[in-house]
Amino acid sequence: MKKLITFCFLSLFLIFCAKAQEFDPQPLKTEINKLELNILLAKAESEKYSGGLIKALLDSRLQILEHTKAMLEQRLAAGNYKLKISYTVDGKEYVPAANKDKILQDIENNALSVTKEMEVAKKEADQYSGGLVKAMKLSAVATFQQQLAMLEMKRCAIIFDIPLYAFVGGGSSSSPVQTPTKTIKETPFSEIDGMFDVKITGKRVFKANYSDHLGLNLVFTNHTEKDIKAVQGVVTFTDLFDSEILTIRLTIEKNISAGQSVKNSDYSIELNQFSDEHNRLRSIEMENLKMRFETQSIIFKDGSIVKR
């Protein structure tokens, strides 16, 4: 009788443990369904273009989404077949992050920031019916969409304890490699803001392609100890009371040596006569105009990248 009671207790304990460890596929299925919808939308958007920078950015976003879906499908298949997956990175067993909640909150905050900038770029693009400026605005929107896809991949990897691998576009979107092509470092806001600076020293109005443009005289300063190849950030024009006039995205593709400043007058804004913001920026006196530059990412000549 005692042996029977012990056996029954042990059986109940094993059943309880088995249920406690039972795989729940629903969270993965939910994420995969969301990705499938986003992939369909991304394909439809990409098919609007036959080539060029915007299509390249949209196709890159599509590859990231497909890579994320393949990553989750592998995890789902392993769980369904009761297979244990272990990851090895650089010869060491992968250990999931202990501070997942903080990492996920940082990803969410970053996604909200990128979404806000994307909405600004969309609003600016809608002000134009075509031309180079509209194409530049739409490429900025596509860049933001690409960043959001990367953040989504990172979010899914953190939630389901999957290590992220670098992958090279142009081939199979589900082919991971363990050696990154570039070193990407996420940098605190206060640190990256001190690496690069843009100042405005003058502005002028000129006509080009049958419309007025506002030319900008800018000074770029590299405060780092490495040569810079390109910088991407957001420019906000304000008046003396710090009231916002206009916010635009600025991509700088100039070689700037370490610790050096470079003057540049190649950048301009196509003015829309029906835009209050553009008219305000056009008419404000230079001595009453202030400009703030928020650095988003820097590419150095050695191939390394820092971003907020």
C-alpha atoms as a PDB file:
ATOM      1  CA  MET A   1       0.000   0.000   0.000  1.00  0.00           C
ATOM      2  CA  LYS A   2       2.821   2.374   0.890  1.00  0.00           C
ATOM      3  CA  LYS A   3       4.552   1.614  -2.417  1.00  0.00           C
ATOM      4  CA  LEU A   4       1.303   2.306  -4.292  1.00  0.00           C
ATOM      5  CA  ILE A   5       0.873   5.719  -2.615  1.00  0.00           C
ATOM      6  CA  THR A   6       4.510   6.595  -3.371  1.00  0.00           C
ATOM      7  CA  PHE A   7       4.062   5.575  -7.011  1.00  0.00           C
ATOM      8  CA  CYS A   8       0.864   7.614  -7.373  1.00  0.00           C
ATOM      9  CA  PHE A   9       2.541  10.663  -5.842  1.00  0.00           C
ATOM     10  CA  LEU A  10       5.552  10.327  -8.127  1.00  0.00           C
ATOM     11  CA  SER A  11       3.265   9.943 -11.158  1.00  0.00           C
ATOM     12  CA  LEU A  12       1.311  13.062 -10.254  1.00  0.00           C
ATOM     13  CA  PHE A  13       4.559  14.976  -9.731  1.00  0.00           C
ATOM     14  CA  LEU A  14       5.907  13.962 -13.147  1.00  0.00           C
ATOM     15  CA  ILE A  15       2.603  14.899 -14.837  1.00  0.00           C
ATOM     16  CA  PHE A  16       2.668  18.291 -13.125  1.00  0.00           C
ATOM     17  CA  CYS A  17       6.279  18.932 -14.245  1.00  0.00           C
ATOM     18  CA  ALA A  18       5.471  17.901 -17.797  1.00  0.00           C
ATOM     19  CA  LYS A  19       2.560  20.334 -17.937  1.00  0.00           C
ATOM     20  CA  ALA A  20       4.632  23.092 -16.361  1.00  0.00           C
ATOM     21  CA  GLN A  21       7.222  22.659 -19.102  1.00  0.00           C
ATOM     22  CA  GLU A  22       4.666  22.286 -21.908  1.00  0.00           C
ATOM     23  CA  PHE A  23       5.455  24.405 -24.953  1.00  0.00           C
ATOM     24  CA  ASP A  24       2.985  27.217 -25.719  1.00  0.00           C
ATOM     25  CA  PRO A  25       3.083  27.938 -29.478  1.00  0.00           C
ATOM     26  CA  GLN A  26       0.519  30.762 -29.453  1.00  0.00           C
ATOM     27  CA  PRO A  27       2.886  33.726 -28.762  1.00  0.00           C
ATOM     28  CA  LEU A  28       5.109  32.640 -31.657  1.00  0.00           C
ATOM     29  CA  LYS A  29       2.120  32.124 -33.964  1.00  0.00           C
ATOM     30  CA  THR A  30       0.819  35.595 -33.108  1.00  0.00           C
ATOM     31  CA  GLU A  31       4.148  37.222 -33.961  1.00  0.00           C
ATOM     32  CA  ILE A  32       4.455  35.201 -37.184  1.00  0.00           C
ATOM     33  CA  ASN A  33       0.944  36.231 -38.287  1.00  0.00           C
ATOM     34  CA  LYS A  34       1.811  39.896 -37.709  1.00  0.00           C
ATOM     35  CA  LEU A  35       5.024  39.488 -39.704  1.00  0.00           C
ATOM     36  CA  GLU A  36       3.185  37.811 -42.594  1.00  0.00           C
ATOM     37  CA  LEU A  37       0.855  40.811 -42.833  1.00  0.00           C
ATOM     38  CA  ASN A  38       3.791  43.252 -42.736  1.00  0.00           C
ATOM     39  CA  ILE A  39       5.598  41.220 -45.406  1.00  0.00           C
ATOM     40  CA  LEU A  40       2.572  41.450 -47.725  1.00  0.00           C
ATOM     41  CA  LEU A  41       2.385  45.211 -47.188  1.00  0.00           C
ATOM     42  CA  ALA A  42       6.143  45.582 -47.730  1.00  0.00           C
ATOM     43  CA  LYS A  43       5.986  43.595 -50.989  1.00  0.00           C
ATOM     44  CA  ALA A  44       3.110  45.718 -52.268  1.00  0.00           C
ATOM     45  CA  GLU A  45       5.018  48.906 -51.496  1.00  0.00           C
ATOM     46  CA  SER A  46       8.222  47.636 -53.101  1.00  0.00           C
ATOM     47  CA  GLU A  47       6.376  46.674 -56.298  1.00  0.00           C
ATOM     48  CA  LYS A  48       5.473  50.333 -56.845  1.00  0.00           C
ATOM     49  CA  TYR A  49       9.117  50.973 -57.835  1.00  0.00           C
ATOM     50  CA  SER A  50      11.193  49.481 -60.630  1.00  0.00           C
ATOM     51  CA  GLY A  51      14.554  50.470 -59.165  1.00  0.00           C
ATOM     52  CA  GLY A  52      16.524  53.152 -57.381  1.00  0.00           C
ATOM     53  CA  LEU A  53      17.386  53.971 -53.770  1.00  0.00           C
ATOM     54  CA  ILE A  54      13.825  53.826 -52.410  1.00  0.00           C
ATOM     55  CA  LYS A  55      13.235  50.328 -53.822  1.00  0.00           C
ATOM     56  CA  ALA A  56      16.593  49.164 -52.445  1.00  0.00           C
ATOM     57  CA  LEU A  57      15.613  50.389 -48.967  1.00  0.00           C
ATOM     58  CA  LEU A  58      12.168  48.806 -49.218  1.00  0.00           C
ATOM     59  CA  ASP A  59      13.656  45.487 -50.374  1.00  0.00           C
ATOM     60  CA  SER A  60      16.122  45.610 -47.480  1.00  0.00           C
ATOM     61  CA  ARG A  61      13.209  46.077 -45.070  1.00  0.00           C
ATOM     62  CA  LEU A  62      11.429  43.132 -46.726  1.00  0.00           C
ATOM     63  CA  GLN A  63      14.475  40.900 -46.251  1.00  0.00           C
ATOM     64  CA  ILE A  64      14.665  41.829 -42.565  1.00  0.00           C
ATOM     65  CA  LEU A  65      10.990  40.965 -42.063  1.00  0.00           C
ATOM     66  CA  GLU A  66      11.399  37.633 -43.879  1.00  0.00           C
ATOM     67  CA  HIS A  67      14.524  36.870 -41.854  1.00  0.00           C
ATOM     68  CA  THR A  68      12.621  37.542 -38.626  1.00  0.00           C
ATOM     69  CA  LYS A  69       9.735  35.290 -39.749  1.00  0.00           C
ATOM     70  CA  ALA A  70      12.147  32.458 -40.627  1.00  0.00           C
ATOM     71  CA  MET A  71      13.831  32.856 -37.233  1.00  0.00           C
ATOM     72  CA  LEU A  72      10.510  32.518 -35.383  1.00  0.00           C
ATOM     73  CA  GLU A  73       9.285  29.648 -37.585  1.00  0.00           C
ATOM     74  CA  GLN A  74      12.428  27.682 -36.696  1.00  0.00           C
ATOM     75  CA  ARG A  75      11.743  28.299 -32.999  1.00  0.00           C
ATOM     76  CA  LEU A  76       8.101  27.250 -33.431  1.00  0.00           C
ATOM     77  CA  ALA A  77       9.010  24.041 -35.276  1.00  0.00           C
ATOM     78  CA  ALA A  78      11.505  23.087 -32.570  1.00  0.00           C
ATOM     79  CA  GLY A  79       8.890  23.606 -29.867  1.00  0.00           C
ATOM     80  CA  ASN A  80       6.224  21.628 -31.718  1.00  0.00           C
ATOM     81  CA  TYR A  81       8.571  18.661 -32.129  1.00  0.00           C
ATOM     82  CA  LYS A  82       9.844  18.931 -28.538  1.00  0.00           C
ATOM     83  CA  LEU A  83      13.372  19.669 -29.756  1.00  0.00           C
ATOM     84  CA  LYS A  84      15.771  21.563 -27.565  1.00  0.00           C
ATOM     85  CA  ILE A  85      17.607  24.392 -29.337  1.00  0.00           C
ATOM     86  CA  SER A  86      20.960  25.570 -28.036  1.00  0.00           C
ATOM     87  CA  TYR A  87      22.904  28.447 -29.568  1.00  0.00           C
ATOM     88  CA  THR A  88      26.652  28.895 -29.722  1.00  0.00           C
ATOM     89  CA  VAL A  89      28.144  32.317 -30.425  1.00  0.00           C
ATOM     90  CA  ASP A  90      31.907  32.621 -30.964  1.00  0.00           C
ATOM     91  CA  GLY A  91      32.406  29.165 -29.455  1.00  0.00           C
ATOM     92  CA  LYS A  92      30.432  29.933 -26.282  1.00  0.00           C
ATOM     93  CA  GLU A  93      26.923  28.893 -25.317  1.00  0.00           C
ATOM     94  CA  TYR A  94      24.459  31.747 -25.714  1.00  0.00           C
ATOM     95  CA  VAL A  95      22.958  32.970 -22.442  1.00  0.00           C
ATOM     96  CA  PRO A  96      19.768  35.087 -22.713  1.00  0.00           C
ATOM     97  CA  ALA A  97      19.954  38.596 -21.284  1.00  0.00           C
ATOM     98  CA  ALA A  98      18.971  38.885 -17.627  1.00  0.00           C
ATOM     99  CA  ASN A  99      17.551  42.401 -18.032  1.00  0.00           C
ATOM    100  CA  LYS A 100      15.054  41.575 -20.792  1.00  0.00           C
ATOM    101  CA  ASP A 101      12.414  44.005 -19.521  1.00  0.00           C
ATOM    102  CA  LYS A 102      14.798  46.958 -19.676  1.00  0.00           C
ATOM    103  CA  ILE A 103      16.068  45.988 -23.135  1.00  0.00           C
ATOM    104  CA  LEU A 104      12.503  45.625 -24.437  1.00  0.00           C
ATOM    105  CA  GLN A 105      11.557  49.000 -22.963  1.00  0.00           C
ATOM    106  CA  ASP A 106      14.570  50.622 -24.663  1.00  0.00           C
ATOM    107  CA  ILE A 107      13.558  49.018 -27.971  1.00  0.00           C
ATOM    108  CA  GLU A 108      10.004  50.305 -27.570  1.00  0.00           C
ATOM    109  CA  ASN A 109      11.222  53.834 -26.784  1.00  0.00           C
ATOM    110  CA  ASN A 110      13.537  53.750 -29.797  1.00  0.00           C
ATOM    111  CA  ALA A 111      10.701  52.524 -32.026  1.00  0.00           C
ATOM    112  CA  LEU A 112       8.449  55.344 -30.837  1.00  0.00           C
ATOM    113  CA  SER A 113      11.186  57.878 -31.588  1.00  0.00           C
ATOM    114  CA  VAL A 114      11.772  56.472 -35.078  1.00  0.00           C
ATOM    115  CA  THR A 115       8.022  56.363 -35.757  1.00  0.00           C
ATOM    116  CA  LYS A 116       7.705  60.023 -34.793  1.00  0.00           C
ATOM    117  CA  GLU A 117      10.502  61.010 -37.168  1.00  0.00           C
ATOM    118  CA  MET A 118       8.958  58.867 -39.918  1.00  0.00           C
ATOM    119  CA  GLU A 119       5.626  60.658 -39.545  1.00  0.00           C
ATOM    120  CA  VAL A 120       7.402  64.011 -39.875  1.00  0.00           C
ATOM    121  CA  ALA A 121       9.122  62.794 -43.071  1.00  0.00           C
ATOM    122  CA  LYS A 122       5.789  61.515 -44.466  1.00  0.00           C
ATOM    123  CA  LYS A 123       4.157  64.871 -43.780  1.00  0.00           C
ATOM    124  CA  GLU A 124       6.972  66.682 -45.584  1.00  0.00           C
ATOM    125  CA  ALA A 125       6.796  64.277 -48.548  1.00  0.00           C
ATOM    126  CA  ASP A 126       3.047  64.883 -48.901  1.00  0.00           C
ATOM    127  CA  GLN A 127       3.740  68.566 -49.539  1.00  0.00           C
ATOM    128  CA  TYR A 128       5.242  67.725 -52.948  1.00  0.00           C
ATOM    129  CA  SER A 129       3.685  66.163 -56.013  1.00  0.00           C
ATOM    130  CA  GLY A 130       7.004  64.911 -57.403  1.00  0.00           C
ATOM    131  CA  GLY A 131      10.607  65.820 -58.114  1.00  0.00           C
ATOM    132  CA  LEU A 132      13.928  65.304 -56.362  1.00  0.00           C
ATOM    133  CA  VAL A 133      12.859  66.688 -52.976  1.00  0.00           C
ATOM    134  CA  LYS A 134       9.880  64.338 -52.754  1.00  0.00           C
ATOM    135  CA  ALA A 135      12.128  61.419 -53.695  1.00  0.00           C
ATOM    136  CA  MET A 136      14.541  62.392 -50.907  1.00  0.00           C
ATOM    137  CA  LYS A 137      11.700  62.607 -48.391  1.00  0.00           C
ATOM    138  CA  LEU A 138      10.350  59.210 -49.459  1.00  0.00           C
ATOM    139  CA  SER A 139      13.819  57.673 -49.156  1.00  0.00           C
ATOM    140  CA  ALA A 140      13.954  59.024 -45.595  1.00  0.00           C
ATOM    141  CA  VAL A 141      10.587  57.359 -44.892  1.00  0.00           C
ATOM    142  CA  ALA A 142      11.907  54.068 -46.314  1.00  0.00           C
ATOM    143  CA  THR A 143      15.007  54.372 -44.118  1.00  0.00           C
ATOM    144  CA  PHE A 144      12.820  54.757 -41.034  1.00  0.00           C
ATOM    145  CA  GLN A 145      10.765  51.724 -42.085  1.00  0.00           C
ATOM    146  CA  GLN A 146      13.973  49.740 -42.386  1.00  0.00           C
ATOM    147  CA  GLN A 147      15.033  50.818 -38.884  1.00  0.00           C
ATOM    148  CA  LEU A 148      11.657  49.778 -37.469  1.00  0.00           C
ATOM    149  CA  ALA A 149      12.015  46.343 -39.091  1.00  0.00           C
ATOM    150  CA  MET A 150      15.429  45.941 -37.448  1.00  0.00           C
ATOM    151  CA  LEU A 151      13.989  46.929 -34.062  1.00  0.00           C
ATOM    152  CA  GLU A 152      11.159  44.428 -34.541  1.00  0.00           C
ATOM    153  CA  MET A 153      13.656  41.655 -35.278  1.00  0.00           C
ATOM    154  CA  LYS A 154      15.620  42.577 -32.160  1.00  0.00           C
ATOM    155  CA  ARG A 155      12.424  42.654 -30.060  1.00  0.00           C
ATOM    156  CA  CYS A 156      11.395  39.167 -31.202  1.00  0.00           C
ATOM    157  CA  ALA A 157      14.882  37.800 -30.578  1.00  0.00           C
ATOM    158  CA  ILE A 158      14.901  39.139 -27.009  1.00  0.00           C
ATOM    159  CA  ILE A 159      11.389  37.854 -26.227  1.00  0.00           C
ATOM    160  CA  PHE A 160      12.079  34.310 -27.455  1.00  0.00           C
ATOM    161  CA  ASP A 161      15.737  34.102 -26.284  1.00  0.00           C
ATOM    162  CA  ILE A 162      17.228  33.907 -29.779  1.00  0.00           C
ATOM    163  CA  PRO A 163      20.694  35.372 -30.468  1.00  0.00           C
ATOM    164  CA  LEU A 164      20.863  37.777 -33.379  1.00  0.00           C
ATOM    165  CA  TYR A 165      23.213  37.036 -36.273  1.00  0.00           C
ATOM    166  CA  ALA A 166      24.425  39.486 -38.873  1.00  0.00           C
ATOM    167  CA  PHE A 167      23.161  38.681 -42.369  1.00  0.00           C
ATOM    168  CA  VAL A 168      24.122  39.930 -45.798  1.00  0.00           C
ATOM    169  CA  GLY A 169      21.407  41.237 -48.138  1.00  0.00           C
ATOM    170  CA  GLY A 170      21.112  40.052 -51.724  1.00  0.00           C
ATOM    171  CA  GLY A 171      21.040  36.345 -50.931  1.00  0.00           C
ATOM    172  CA  SER A 172      18.804  34.165 -48.831  1.00  0.00           C
ATOM    173  CA  SER A 173      17.198  36.167 -46.075  1.00  0.00           C
ATOM    174  CA  SER A 174      17.426  33.194 -43.705  1.00  0.00           C
ATOM    175  CA  SER A 175      21.168  32.578 -43.981  1.00  0.00           C
ATOM    176  CA  PRO A 176      22.859  33.809 -40.825  1.00  0.00           C
ATOM    177  CA  VAL A 177      26.576  34.406 -40.493  1.00  0.00           C
ATOM    178  CA  GLN A 178      28.453  34.760 -37.247  1.00  0.00           C
ATOM    179  CA  THR A 179      30.872  37.459 -38.342  1.00  0.00           C
ATOM    180  CA  PRO A 180      29.332  40.932 -38.720  1.00  0.00           C
ATOM    181  CA  THR A 181      30.314  42.893 -41.804  1.00  0.00           C
ATOM    182  CA  LYS A 182      30.447  46.091 -39.720  1.00  0.00           C
ATOM    183  CA  THR A 183      30.832  46.930 -36.068  1.00  0.00           C
ATOM    184  CA  ILE A 184      27.667  48.668 -34.880  1.00  0.00           C
ATOM    185  CA  LYS A 185      27.706  50.263 -31.470  1.00  0.00           C
ATOM    186  CA  GLU A 186      24.627  51.652 -29.804  1.00  0.00           C
ATOM    187  CA  THR A 187      25.714  54.847 -28.064  1.00  0.00           C
ATOM    188  CA  PRO A 188      24.054  56.833 -25.249  1.00  0.00           C
ATOM    189  CA  PHE A 189      22.349  60.038 -26.380  1.00  0.00           C
ATOM    190  CA  SER A 190      24.671  62.320 -24.422  1.00  0.00           C
ATOM    191  CA  GLU A 191      27.752  60.673 -25.922  1.00  0.00           C
ATOM    192  CA  ILE A 192      26.708  60.609 -29.579  1.00  0.00           C
ATOM    193  CA  ASP A 193      25.446  64.209 -29.445  1.00  0.00           C
ATOM    194  CA  GLY A 194      28.977  65.289 -28.578  1.00  0.00           C
ATOM    195  CA  MET A 195      30.582  63.490 -31.517  1.00  0.00           C
ATOM    196  CA  PHE A 196      29.321  65.670 -34.352  1.00  0.00           C
ATOM    197  CA  ASP A 197      27.898  69.140 -34.764  1.00  0.00           C
ATOM    198  CA  VAL A 198      26.248  71.196 -37.500  1.00  0.00           C
ATOM    199  CA  LYS A 199      25.965  74.974 -37.425  1.00  0.00           C
ATOM    200  CA  ILE A 200      24.238  77.322 -39.859  1.00  0.00           C
ATOM    201  CA  THR A 201      26.171  80.446 -40.859  1.00  0.00           C
ATOM    202  CA  GLY A 202      23.915  81.814 -43.587  1.00  0.00           C
ATOM    203  CA  LYS A 203      20.948  81.258 -45.879  1.00  0.00           C
ATOM    204  CA  ARG A 204      19.920  82.462 -49.302  1.00  0.00           C
ATOM    205  CA  VAL A 205      16.993  82.071 -51.707  1.00  0.00           C
ATOM    206  CA  PHE A 206      17.590  81.008 -55.301  1.00  0.00           C
ATOM    207  CA  LYS A 207      15.506  79.573 -58.145  1.00  0.00           C
ATOM    208  CA  ALA A 208      16.096  76.088 -59.519  1.00  0.00           C
ATOM    209  CA  ASN A 209      13.861  73.776 -61.576  1.00  0.00           C
ATOM    210  CA  TYR A 210      11.192  76.506 -61.753  1.00  0.00           C
ATOM    211  CA  SER A 211      10.810  76.741 -57.962  1.00  0.00           C
ATOM    212  CA  ASP A 212      12.458  78.695 -55.150  1.00  0.00           C
ATOM    213  CA  HIS A 213      15.028  76.979 -52.957  1.00  0.00           C
ATOM    214  CA  LEU A 214      16.526  78.011 -49.636  1.00  0.00           C
ATOM    215  CA  GLY A 215      20.274  77.470 -49.731  1.00  0.00           C
ATOM    216  CA  LEU A 216      22.029  76.729 -46.436  1.00  0.00           C
ATOM    217  CA  ASN A 217      25.580  77.636 -45.487  1.00  0.00           C
ATOM    218  CA  LEU A 218      26.607  74.980 -42.982  1.00  0.00           C
ATOM    219  CA  VAL A 219      29.660  74.039 -40.955  1.00  0.00           C
ATOM    220  CA  PHE A 220      30.199  70.360 -40.083  1.00  0.00           C
ATOM    221  CA  THR A 221      32.472  69.549 -37.137  1.00  0.00           C
ATOM    222  CA  ASN A 222      33.897  66.117 -36.321  1.00  0.00           C
ATOM    223  CA  HIS A 223      34.641  66.004 -32.587  1.00  0.00           C
ATOM    224  CA  THR A 224      35.849  62.395 -32.640  1.00  0.00           C
ATOM    225  CA  GLU A 225      39.325  60.928 -33.078  1.00  0.00           C
ATOM    226  CA  LYS A 226      38.349  59.015 -36.231  1.00  0.00           C
ATOM    227  CA  ASP A 227      37.659  60.159 -39.798  1.00  0.00           C
ATOM    228  CA  ILE A 228      33.948  60.323 -40.647  1.00  0.00           C
ATOM    229  CA  LYS A 229      32.463  59.093 -43.928  1.00  0.00           C
ATOM    230  CA  ALA A 230      28.754  59.892 -43.422  1.00  0.00           C
ATOM    231  CA  VAL A 231      26.336  61.193 -40.803  1.00  0.00           C
ATOM    232  CA  GLN A 232      22.568  61.007 -40.512  1.00  0.00           C
ATOM    233  CA  GLY A 233      20.470  63.156 -38.207  1.00  0.00           C
ATOM    234  CA  VAL A 234      17.541  65.509 -37.710  1.00  0.00           C
ATOM    235  CA  VAL A 235      17.713  69.306 -38.074  1.00  0.00           C
ATOM    236  CA  THR A 236      15.262  71.527 -36.196  1.00  0.00           C
ATOM    237  CA  PHE A 237      15.038  75.226 -37.039  1.00  0.00           C
ATOM    238  CA  THR A 238      13.714  77.503 -34.264  1.00  0.00           C
ATOM    239  CA  ASP A 239      13.330  81.195 -33.536  1.00  0.00           C
ATOM    240  CA  LEU A 240      14.887  83.086 -30.627  1.00  0.00           C
ATOM    241  CA  PHE A 241      12.167  81.768 -28.295  1.00  0.00           C
ATOM    242  CA  ASP A 242      13.004  78.170 -29.304  1.00  0.00           C
ATOM    243  CA  SER A 243       9.636  77.852 -31.039  1.00  0.00           C
ATOM    244  CA  GLU A 244       9.932  75.199 -33.752  1.00  0.00           C
ATOM    245  CA  ILE A 245       9.753  76.422 -37.344  1.00  0.00           C
ATOM    246  CA  LEU A 246      10.642  73.320 -39.344  1.00  0.00           C
ATOM    247  CA  THR A 247      12.174  69.883 -38.782  1.00  0.00           C
ATOM    248  CA  ILE A 248      13.929  67.993 -41.593  1.00  0.00           C
ATOM    249  CA  ARG A 249      16.115  64.911 -41.885  1.00  0.00           C
ATOM    250  CA  LEU A 250      19.693  65.541 -43.024  1.00  0.00           C
ATOM    251  CA  THR A 251      22.083  62.984 -44.526  1.00  0.00           C
ATOM    252  CA  ILE A 252      25.680  64.161 -44.824  1.00  0.00           C
ATOM    253  CA  GLU A 253      27.951  62.168 -47.124  1.00  0.00           C
ATOM    254  CA  LYS A 254      31.208  64.042 -46.676  1.00  0.00           C
ATOM    255  CA  ASN A 255      34.656  62.910 -45.618  1.00  0.00           C
ATOM    256  CA  ILE A 256      35.470  64.861 -42.466  1.00  0.00           C
ATOM    257  CA  SER A 257      38.829  64.253 -40.819  1.00  0.00           C
ATOM    258  CA  ALA A 258      39.140  63.644 -37.094  1.00  0.00           C
ATOM    259  CA  GLY A 259      38.859  66.855 -35.081  1.00  0.00           C
ATOM    260  CA  GLN A 260      38.254  68.988 -38.179  1.00  0.00           C
ATOM    261  CA  SER A 261      35.499  71.314 -39.419  1.00  0.00           C
ATOM    262  CA  VAL A 262      34.289  71.590 -43.011  1.00  0.00           C
ATOM    263  CA  LYS A 263      32.249  74.416 -44.570  1.00  0.00           C
ATOM    264  CA  ASN A 264      29.523  73.405 -46.995  1.00  0.00           C
ATOM    265  CA  SER A 265      26.916  75.244 -49.064  1.00  0.00           C
ATOM    266  CA  ASP A 266      25.561  72.328 -51.151  1.00  0.00           C
ATOM    267  CA  TYR A 267      22.399  71.726 -49.139  1.00  0.00           C
ATOM    268  CA  SER A 268      19.079  73.386 -49.897  1.00  0.00           C
ATOM    269  CA  ILE A 269      15.361  73.073 -49.203  1.00  0.00           C
ATOM    270  CA  GLU A 270      12.776  73.339 -51.976  1.00  0.00           C
ATOM    271  CA  LEU A 271      10.319  75.966 -50.755  1.00  0.00           C
ATOM    272  CA  ASN A 272       6.592  75.379 -50.862  1.00  0.00           C
ATOM    273  CA  GLN A 273       4.810  78.727 -51.096  1.00  0.00           C
ATOM    274  CA  PHE A 274       1.696  77.210 -49.467  1.00  0.00           C
ATOM    275  CA  SER A 275       3.601  76.027 -46.392  1.00  0.00           C
ATOM    276  CA  ASP A 276       3.555  78.331 -43.367  1.00  0.00           C
ATOM    277  CA  GLU A 277       6.703  76.653 -42.048  1.00  0.00           C
ATOM    278  CA  HIS A 278       8.605  77.229 -45.290  1.00  0.00           C
ATOM    279  CA  ASN A 279       7.456  80.852 -45.529  1.00  0.00           C
ATOM    280  CA  ARG A 280       8.489  81.457 -41.930  1.00  0.00           C
ATOM    281  CA  LEU A 281      11.925  79.918 -42.519  1.00  0.00           C
ATOM    282  CA  ARG A 282      12.323  81.953 -45.698  1.00  0.00           C
ATOM    283  CA  SER A 283      11.460  85.302 -44.115  1.00  0.00           C
ATOM    284  CA  ILE A 284      13.115  85.064 -40.701  1.00  0.00           C
ATOM    285  CA  GLU A 285      16.272  87.141 -40.324  1.00  0.00           C
ATOM    286  CA  MET A 286      19.465  85.156 -40.026  1.00  0.00           C
ATOM    287  CA  GLU A 287      20.338  86.678 -36.648  1.00  0.00           C
ATOM    288  CA  ASN A 288      16.980  85.462 -35.289  1.00  0.00           C
ATOM    289  CA  LEU A 289      17.347  81.917 -36.609  1.00  0.00           C
ATOM    290  CA  LYS A 290      18.622  79.032 -34.481  1.00  0.00           C
ATOM    291  CA  MET A 291      19.347  75.478 -35.561  1.00  0.00           C
ATOM    292  CA  ARG A 292      19.634  72.257 -33.546  1.00  0.00           C
ATOM    293  CA  PHE A 293      21.115  69.038 -34.948  1.00  0.00           C
ATOM    294  CA  GLU A 294      20.368  65.641 -33.391  1.00  0.00           C
ATOM    295  CA  THR A 295      22.821  62.978 -34.549  1.00  0.00           C
ATOM    296  CA  GLN A 296      21.179  59.610 -35.278  1.00  0.00           C
ATOM    297  CA  SER A 297      24.095  57.611 -36.685  1.00  0.00           C
ATOM    298  CA  ILE A 298      27.702  58.046 -37.821  1.00  0.00           C
ATOM    299  CA  ILE A 299      29.653  55.898 -40.283  1.00  0.00           C
ATOM    300  CA  PHE A 300      33.415  56.141 -39.886  1.00  0.00           C
ATOM    301  CA  LYS A 301      35.921  55.551 -42.678  1.00  0.00           C
ATOM    302  CA  ASP A 302      37.188  52.400 -40.912  1.00  0.00           C
ATOM    303  CA  GLY A 303      33.717  50.846 -41.392  1.00  0.00           C
ATOM    304  CA  SER A 304      32.551  51.117 -37.796  1.00  0.00           C
ATOM    305  CA  ILE A 305      29.157  52.629 -36.998  1.00  0.00           C
ATOM    306  CA  VAL A 306      27.676  54.318 -33.944  1.00  0.00           C
ATOM    307  CA  LYS A 307      23.990  55.077 -33.533  1.00  0.00           C
ATOM    308  CA  ARG A 308      21.618  56.120 -30.819  1.00  0.00           C
END
